Amino acid sequence: MRAFVFLTVLLMAACSLPEERPADLLAREKFTEVLLEAQLIEARVNQEAMIDKKADIPDKSYYAEMFEAQGVAEEAFKTTFEWYVDHPAELKDIYNEVLAGLQKRVDLADSTGTAH
């Protein structure tokens, strides 16, 4: 019985410890920036498919160009994204930052008369 109690307490303590963020993940700021750019690519792809009725959209090349411009390997982005999927509260915070960043771009475009 004492062993059961000890194991239960040990398990509860282990579950309550915060999980350390792996060192090989992208920095949060860089991940947020890349995720924002990915959202813009998705918007572009949807525009081209739904509005422009393009059949052959080079979305893979859009992503390759973005990863290169950001200086990020696609695999590093995917690994980081998967880690955040397992940590939804943190991913939600990042998506809120992405949405705020997108809104800033809309506001800037509105104030300068630039098309969205």
Protein backbone atom coordinates (compact mmCIF):
# COMPACT_ATOMS: atom_id res chain seq x y z
CA MET A 1 0.00 0.00 0.00
CA ARG A 2 2.82 2.40 0.88
CA ALA A 3 4.41 1.67 -2.48
CA PHE A 4 1.16 2.59 -4.24
CA VAL A 5 0.91 5.88 -2.33
CA PHE A 6 4.57 6.65 -3.04
CA LEU A 7 4.17 5.93 -6.77
CA THR A 8 1.00 8.01 -6.93
CA VAL A 9 2.70 10.98 -5.27
CA LEU A 10 5.74 10.57 -7.52
CA LEU A 11 3.56 10.42 -10.63
CA MET A 12 1.60 13.52 -9.59
CA ALA A 13 4.82 15.42 -8.95
CA ALA A 14 6.22 14.40 -12.32
CA CYS A 15 3.06 15.47 -14.12
CA SER A 16 3.08 18.85 -12.46
CA LEU A 17 6.63 19.71 -13.50
CA PRO A 18 6.70 22.12 -16.42
CA GLU A 19 8.12 20.54 -19.53
CA GLU A 20 11.30 22.18 -20.70
CA ARG A 21 11.29 23.61 -24.19
CA PRO A 22 13.74 21.66 -26.39
CA ALA A 23 16.80 23.64 -27.43
CA ASP A 24 16.47 22.74 -31.12
CA LEU A 25 13.17 24.59 -31.57
CA LEU A 26 12.98 27.92 -33.35
CA ALA A 27 13.01 30.92 -31.04
CA ARG A 28 9.44 31.94 -30.18
CA GLU A 29 9.80 35.32 -31.92
CA LYS A 30 11.17 33.74 -35.10
CA PHE A 31 8.49 31.03 -35.07
CA THR A 32 5.80 33.70 -34.68
CA GLU A 33 7.23 35.68 -37.59
CA VAL A 34 7.42 32.61 -39.84
CA LEU A 35 3.90 31.56 -38.86
CA LEU A 36 2.63 35.04 -39.77
CA GLU A 37 4.29 34.78 -43.17
CA ALA A 38 2.78 31.30 -43.61
CA GLN A 39 -0.68 32.76 -42.98
CA LEU A 40 -0.04 35.33 -45.71
CA ILE A 41 0.98 32.53 -48.09
CA GLU A 42 -2.22 30.65 -47.27
CA ALA A 43 -4.24 33.79 -48.00
CA ARG A 44 -2.41 34.21 -51.32
CA VAL A 45 -3.00 30.58 -52.28
CA ASN A 46 -6.71 30.88 -51.41
CA GLN A 47 -6.95 34.11 -53.43
CA GLU A 48 -5.34 32.51 -56.43
CA ALA A 49 -7.49 29.37 -56.21
CA MET A 50 -10.87 30.85 -55.36
CA ILE A 51 -10.85 34.33 -56.88
CA ASP A 52 -8.31 34.12 -59.69
CA LYS A 53 -9.38 30.52 -60.52
CA LYS A 54 -5.79 29.39 -61.04
CA ALA A 55 -5.42 25.64 -61.35
CA ASP A 56 -1.68 25.31 -60.82
CA ILE A 57 -0.63 27.28 -57.77
CA PRO A 58 3.07 27.01 -56.84
CA ASP A 59 2.42 26.99 -53.10
CA LYS A 60 5.47 24.85 -52.39
CA SER A 61 7.70 27.40 -54.06
CA TYR A 62 6.01 30.19 -52.05
CA TYR A 63 6.90 28.34 -48.85
CA ALA A 64 10.44 27.55 -50.04
CA GLU A 65 11.03 31.23 -50.82
CA MET A 66 9.64 32.27 -47.46
CA PHE A 67 11.76 29.76 -45.51
CA GLU A 68 14.85 30.93 -47.39
CA ALA A 69 14.06 34.62 -46.80
CA GLN A 70 13.48 33.90 -43.10
CA GLY A 71 16.66 31.82 -42.83
CA VAL A 72 14.69 28.88 -41.46
CA ALA A 73 14.74 25.24 -42.49
CA GLU A 74 11.30 23.83 -43.25
CA GLU A 75 12.00 20.85 -41.01
CA ALA A 76 12.87 23.16 -38.08
CA PHE A 77 9.57 24.98 -38.59
CA LYS A 78 7.62 21.72 -38.68
CA THR A 79 9.35 20.39 -35.57
CA THR A 80 8.62 23.62 -33.72
CA PHE A 81 5.00 23.65 -34.88
CA GLU A 82 4.51 20.06 -33.72
CA TRP A 83 5.91 20.93 -30.30
CA TYR A 84 3.50 23.84 -29.96
CA VAL A 85 0.58 21.63 -31.07
CA ASP A 86 1.37 19.55 -28.00
CA HIS A 87 1.32 22.79 -25.93
CA PRO A 88 -1.95 24.40 -27.07
CA ALA A 89 -2.00 27.24 -24.53
CA GLU A 90 1.33 28.50 -25.83
CA LEU A 91 0.25 28.00 -29.45
CA LYS A 92 -2.89 30.02 -28.76
CA ASP A 93 -0.74 32.88 -27.42
CA ILE A 94 1.40 32.74 -30.55
CA TYR A 95 -1.63 32.75 -32.83
CA ASN A 96 -2.93 35.80 -30.97
CA GLU A 97 0.40 37.51 -31.72
CA VAL A 98 0.11 36.45 -35.37
CA LEU A 99 -3.41 37.89 -35.56
CA ALA A 100 -2.21 41.14 -33.98
CA GLY A 101 0.63 41.30 -36.50
CA LEU A 102 -1.76 40.72 -39.39
CA GLN A 103 -4.07 43.44 -38.06
CA LYS A 104 -1.15 45.88 -37.88
CA ARG A 105 -0.44 45.20 -41.54
CA VAL A 106 -4.08 45.80 -42.44
CA ASP A 107 -4.11 49.03 -40.43
CA LEU A 108 -0.89 50.19 -42.09
CA ALA A 109 -2.26 49.38 -45.54
CA ASP A 110 -5.47 51.28 -44.71
CA SER A 111 -3.59 54.31 -43.45
CA THR A 112 -1.29 54.47 -46.50
CA GLY A 113 -3.96 53.61 -49.06
CA THR A 114 -2.13 50.44 -50.04
CA ALA A 115 -4.23 47.52 -51.27
CA HIS A 116 -4.55 44.52 -48.92
